Amino acid sequence: MLEKTVVFGHRGYPAQFPENSLAGFAYALAHHVDGLEFDVHLTKDQVPVIMHDERINRTSDGTGRITDYTLAELRQFHLAHGEVIPTLAEFLDLVGDHDVQLNLEFKTDKIQYPGIEALVLGMIHQAPLKRRVIFSSFHLPTLKTCQQLAPNEAYCWLTDKPVVNAAAFVADEHLSGLHLNHYQAGVPVAERIWTVDRPELAKQLFQQHVAGIFTDDFVTMTALRDATVTGDKVHRRVG
């Protein structure tokens, strides 16, 4: 039986809300999004917070690196519409027992945060989530550290480059899949594509039954996915 491509809200619902905001995540959850993708950094006082960039300049009214601020100091800055920079704990409280697939990206490719892997994994394991979390990163050593701490979780490598001998690479690195910015034909592993906002590309990916796509507009892409697979025998992919 073919599996339905999971549509992830990339940083929530940035087509309508500030990216990586609690408001965007809440809207997506209320409207039954398949999955949510979000990015985690550490503050100066070791609090996991959700933001894409290492610096707060682009998406908030402040400047500087997340790692140079305590959480209390970060709270003086805001995203658009007065939204605060959310913590991972706040996000997990919001998700609660919603039936949603989470993809947590460790943002460690530019700044390595000592201890982030153990801290984040511990919080995830304590949360009453319905589904197994997918953990991803561009920084392969981060995933290796996670594997040592929690070998039974799902880990996926993010890359914008073609992966040679993908099946062997995934097996050798003990990964559950690849997160690519392009479709790579003939890859016999779970393949999730970012960032997919063009309907014509999305339709092609749905027809290929890729494991997932990450999109800034999950509403449009979910409707397109459902229209594309009408008549197919599919079920929702888990984890």
Foldseek 3Di string as FASTA:
>chain_A
DFAFAAEEQEQAQVVPDQRVFPVSNLVCLVVPHQAYEWEWDAACVGFIWTDDDQWCPPFKPDTDGRNDHDQVRQQVIAGPPRTGGGTPVVVLVSCAARNHEYEYEYEPPVPHDPPPLVVVVVVVVPGPYPAAYEYEYCDLVSVVVNCVVPVPGAYEYEDADDDPPQVVVCVVSVHQYYEYCDDDPPRPGQYEHPDDDDLVVLLVVLVVSHNYYHYSHSPVSVVSSCVSCVPPDHHHDGD
